[in-house]
Amino acid sequence: MVEGASTARVPSIGPEYNAFLYAAVGADANGTVLSVLSAMARMNLDPWQESKDLGELSAKAAARRLASLIAAVPGGPSDPDESSVIAARLVKLLPSQTRSILPPLPPHEELLDLKTLAKSRMALYVLVALIALVLATTWFRTRQPPAAAPDATHVSQTVQPTSASANNSGT
């Protein structure tokens, strides 16, 4: 092995950084387009580790750090203002710095105030009570025996004469 040669490294970050790593920084003095990956490699930095570190910073801090890196790229942009503009564009490609299971809270203006929250809870309680009432009514109706309604067999029965009434009619 040649002394001083670097060994290939397996990236320790996921594909969510690809848009950032392969984005164009600009062209070097020879007209070759530099990506973030190639620019960091020219500075002997680990592009994956640097990207991960930048992703953990706030957007403003990441832009400052990236602007200073871009300004230091051999053959890269020499104007500090240009480096800041490029860095601001590239930082937007970094994955989100918040990796939470819960969604972010809405802005303060959109949060529910206590009156709205109380009204929402009251509406929920009323809805639950109505559902319980309907279920209870249905349950009681199915548990009661059906009311005795006259049906055709009762109506069609004829009165049988008794022997006493038959004797009275013959006299």
Protein backbone atom coordinates (compact mmCIF):
# COMPACT_ATOMS: atom_id res chain seq x y z
CA MET A 1 0.00 0.00 0.00
CA VAL A 2 1.23 3.49 -0.81
CA GLU A 3 1.98 5.57 2.23
CA GLY A 4 -0.37 8.56 2.64
CA ALA A 5 -3.07 7.08 0.39
CA SER A 6 -6.52 7.20 1.91
CA THR A 7 -8.67 4.12 2.13
CA ALA A 8 -12.21 4.07 0.79
CA ARG A 9 -14.76 4.79 3.44
CA VAL A 10 -18.30 3.54 3.62
CA PRO A 11 -20.64 6.51 4.08
CA SER A 12 -22.15 6.64 7.55
CA ILE A 13 -25.16 8.63 6.43
CA GLY A 14 -28.20 7.74 4.38
CA PRO A 15 -29.32 8.71 0.89
CA GLU A 16 -31.19 11.74 2.25
CA TYR A 17 -27.90 13.63 1.95
CA ASN A 18 -27.38 12.81 -1.75
CA ALA A 19 -29.11 15.95 -3.04
CA PHE A 20 -26.75 18.03 -0.93
CA LEU A 21 -23.57 16.05 -1.65
CA TYR A 22 -24.06 16.00 -5.42
CA ALA A 23 -25.28 19.59 -5.78
CA ALA A 24 -23.10 21.93 -7.82
CA VAL A 25 -21.01 24.41 -5.90
CA GLY A 26 -19.79 26.10 -9.07
CA ALA A 27 -17.05 25.75 -11.65
CA ASP A 28 -13.37 25.77 -10.83
CA ALA A 29 -10.74 27.76 -12.72
CA ASN A 30 -10.60 25.07 -15.44
CA GLY A 31 -14.38 25.14 -15.93
CA THR A 32 -14.94 21.79 -14.19
CA VAL A 33 -18.17 21.73 -12.21
CA LEU A 34 -17.53 21.13 -8.53
CA SER A 35 -20.06 19.30 -6.40
CA VAL A 36 -20.13 19.58 -2.62
CA LEU A 37 -18.61 16.10 -2.55
CA SER A 38 -15.71 16.95 -4.87
CA ALA A 39 -15.10 20.31 -3.19
CA MET A 40 -14.80 18.69 0.24
CA ALA A 41 -12.61 15.94 -1.18
CA ARG A 42 -10.26 18.59 -2.61
CA MET A 43 -9.86 19.92 0.92
CA ASN A 44 -9.16 16.42 2.31
CA LEU A 45 -12.39 16.47 4.32
CA ASP A 46 -14.74 13.53 4.77
CA PRO A 47 -17.78 14.73 2.78
CA TRP A 48 -20.19 12.41 4.58
CA GLN A 49 -19.05 13.40 8.06
CA GLU A 50 -19.03 17.10 7.14
CA SER A 51 -22.54 16.77 5.68
CA LYS A 52 -23.77 15.04 8.81
CA ASP A 53 -22.18 17.74 10.99
CA LEU A 54 -23.75 20.49 8.87
CA GLY A 55 -27.14 18.77 9.07
CA GLU A 56 -27.02 18.88 12.86
CA LEU A 57 -26.45 22.66 12.92
CA SER A 58 -29.08 25.33 12.59
CA ALA A 59 -29.57 26.56 9.02
CA LYS A 60 -27.81 29.84 9.81
CA ALA A 61 -24.81 28.18 11.46
CA ALA A 62 -24.60 25.58 8.68
CA ALA A 63 -24.62 28.33 6.04
CA ARG A 64 -21.77 30.18 7.80
CA ARG A 65 -19.69 27.02 8.12
CA LEU A 66 -20.35 25.96 4.54
CA ALA A 67 -19.54 29.45 3.21
CA SER A 68 -16.16 29.31 4.93
CA LEU A 69 -15.52 25.85 3.46
CA ILE A 70 -16.51 26.98 -0.03
CA ALA A 71 -14.24 30.01 0.22
CA ALA A 72 -11.34 27.69 1.11
CA VAL A 73 -11.83 25.29 -1.84
CA PRO A 74 -8.72 25.29 -4.05
CA GLY A 75 -9.77 26.67 -7.42
CA GLY A 76 -13.26 27.47 -6.12
CA PRO A 77 -15.06 30.81 -5.80
CA SER A 78 -12.84 33.48 -4.29
CA ASP A 79 -15.47 36.12 -3.52
CA PRO A 80 -16.80 35.74 0.09
CA ASP A 81 -20.20 37.12 -0.90
CA GLU A 82 -20.48 34.53 -3.67
CA SER A 83 -19.55 31.80 -1.18
CA SER A 84 -22.33 32.97 1.17
CA VAL A 85 -24.92 32.93 -1.61
CA ILE A 86 -23.85 29.46 -2.73
CA ALA A 87 -23.86 28.19 0.88
CA ALA A 88 -27.36 29.57 1.51
CA ARG A 89 -28.61 27.71 -1.57
CA LEU A 90 -26.89 24.47 -0.63
CA VAL A 91 -27.97 24.43 3.02
CA LYS A 92 -31.57 24.19 1.85
CA LEU A 93 -30.68 20.77 0.42
CA LEU A 94 -29.62 19.36 3.78
CA PRO A 95 -32.14 16.99 5.34
CA SER A 96 -34.29 18.32 8.13
CA GLN A 97 -32.46 18.77 11.40
CA THR A 98 -35.47 17.64 13.45
CA ARG A 99 -36.02 13.94 13.43
CA SER A 100 -39.06 13.62 15.63
CA ILE A 101 -41.89 11.12 15.55
CA LEU A 102 -44.31 13.87 16.52
CA PRO A 103 -45.16 16.54 13.96
CA PRO A 104 -43.81 20.01 14.70
CA LEU A 105 -46.03 22.34 16.69
CA PRO A 106 -47.90 24.97 14.68
CA PRO A 107 -46.93 28.62 15.10
CA HIS A 108 -48.06 30.27 18.33
CA GLU A 109 -50.91 32.14 16.58
CA GLU A 110 -52.45 28.87 15.42
CA LEU A 111 -52.47 27.15 18.80
CA LEU A 112 -55.90 26.68 20.35
CA ASP A 113 -56.76 29.00 23.18
CA LEU A 114 -58.44 27.67 26.32
CA LYS A 115 -61.96 28.71 25.30
CA THR A 116 -61.72 26.91 21.98
CA LEU A 117 -60.25 23.87 23.68
CA ALA A 118 -63.07 23.84 26.26
CA LYS A 119 -65.70 24.12 23.50
CA SER A 120 -64.06 21.27 21.59
CA ARG A 121 -64.05 19.06 24.67
CA MET A 122 -67.67 19.90 25.44
CA ALA A 123 -68.70 19.02 21.88
CA LEU A 124 -66.83 15.74 22.18
CA TYR A 125 -68.58 14.91 25.47
CA VAL A 126 -72.00 15.68 23.97
CA LEU A 127 -71.23 13.49 20.97
CA VAL A 128 -70.13 10.59 23.20
CA ALA A 129 -73.28 11.00 25.32
CA LEU A 130 -75.52 10.92 22.22
CA ILE A 131 -73.81 7.80 20.92
CA ALA A 132 -74.23 6.13 24.33
CA LEU A 133 -77.93 7.07 24.38
CA VAL A 134 -78.54 5.59 20.93
CA LEU A 135 -76.69 2.40 21.83
CA ALA A 136 -78.58 2.04 25.14
CA THR A 137 -81.94 2.59 23.43
CA THR A 138 -81.13 0.00 20.79
CA TRP A 139 -80.01 -2.49 23.41
CA PHE A 140 -83.17 -2.06 25.53
CA ARG A 141 -85.43 -2.48 22.50
CA THR A 142 -83.79 -5.75 21.54
CA ARG A 143 -83.98 -7.08 25.11
CA GLN A 144 -87.76 -6.55 25.60
CA PRO A 145 -90.20 -9.23 24.38
CA PRO A 146 -92.35 -8.08 21.49
CA ALA A 147 -95.71 -6.56 22.42
CA ALA A 148 -98.70 -8.91 21.99
CA ALA A 149 -100.36 -7.83 18.80
CA PRO A 150 -103.58 -9.35 17.56
CA ASP A 151 -102.89 -11.72 14.74
CA ALA A 152 -105.11 -13.59 12.34
CA THR A 153 -105.46 -16.75 14.47
CA HIS A 154 -107.07 -14.92 17.39
CA VAL A 155 -109.51 -12.96 15.28
CA SER A 156 -110.73 -15.90 13.24
CA GLN A 157 -111.72 -18.05 16.20
CA THR A 158 -115.44 -18.45 16.61
CA VAL A 159 -117.24 -18.88 19.88
CA GLN A 160 -118.36 -22.45 20.42
CA PRO A 161 -121.81 -22.73 21.88
CA THR A 162 -121.97 -24.42 25.23
CA SER A 163 -124.51 -27.05 26.06
CA ALA A 164 -126.35 -24.65 28.41
CA SER A 165 -126.75 -22.03 25.73
CA ALA A 166 -127.87 -24.69 23.24
CA ASN A 167 -130.56 -25.88 25.66
CA ASN A 168 -131.87 -22.34 26.21
CA SER A 169 -132.19 -21.66 22.54
CA GLY A 170 -134.30 -24.75 21.99
CA THR A 171 -137.03 -23.85 24.53
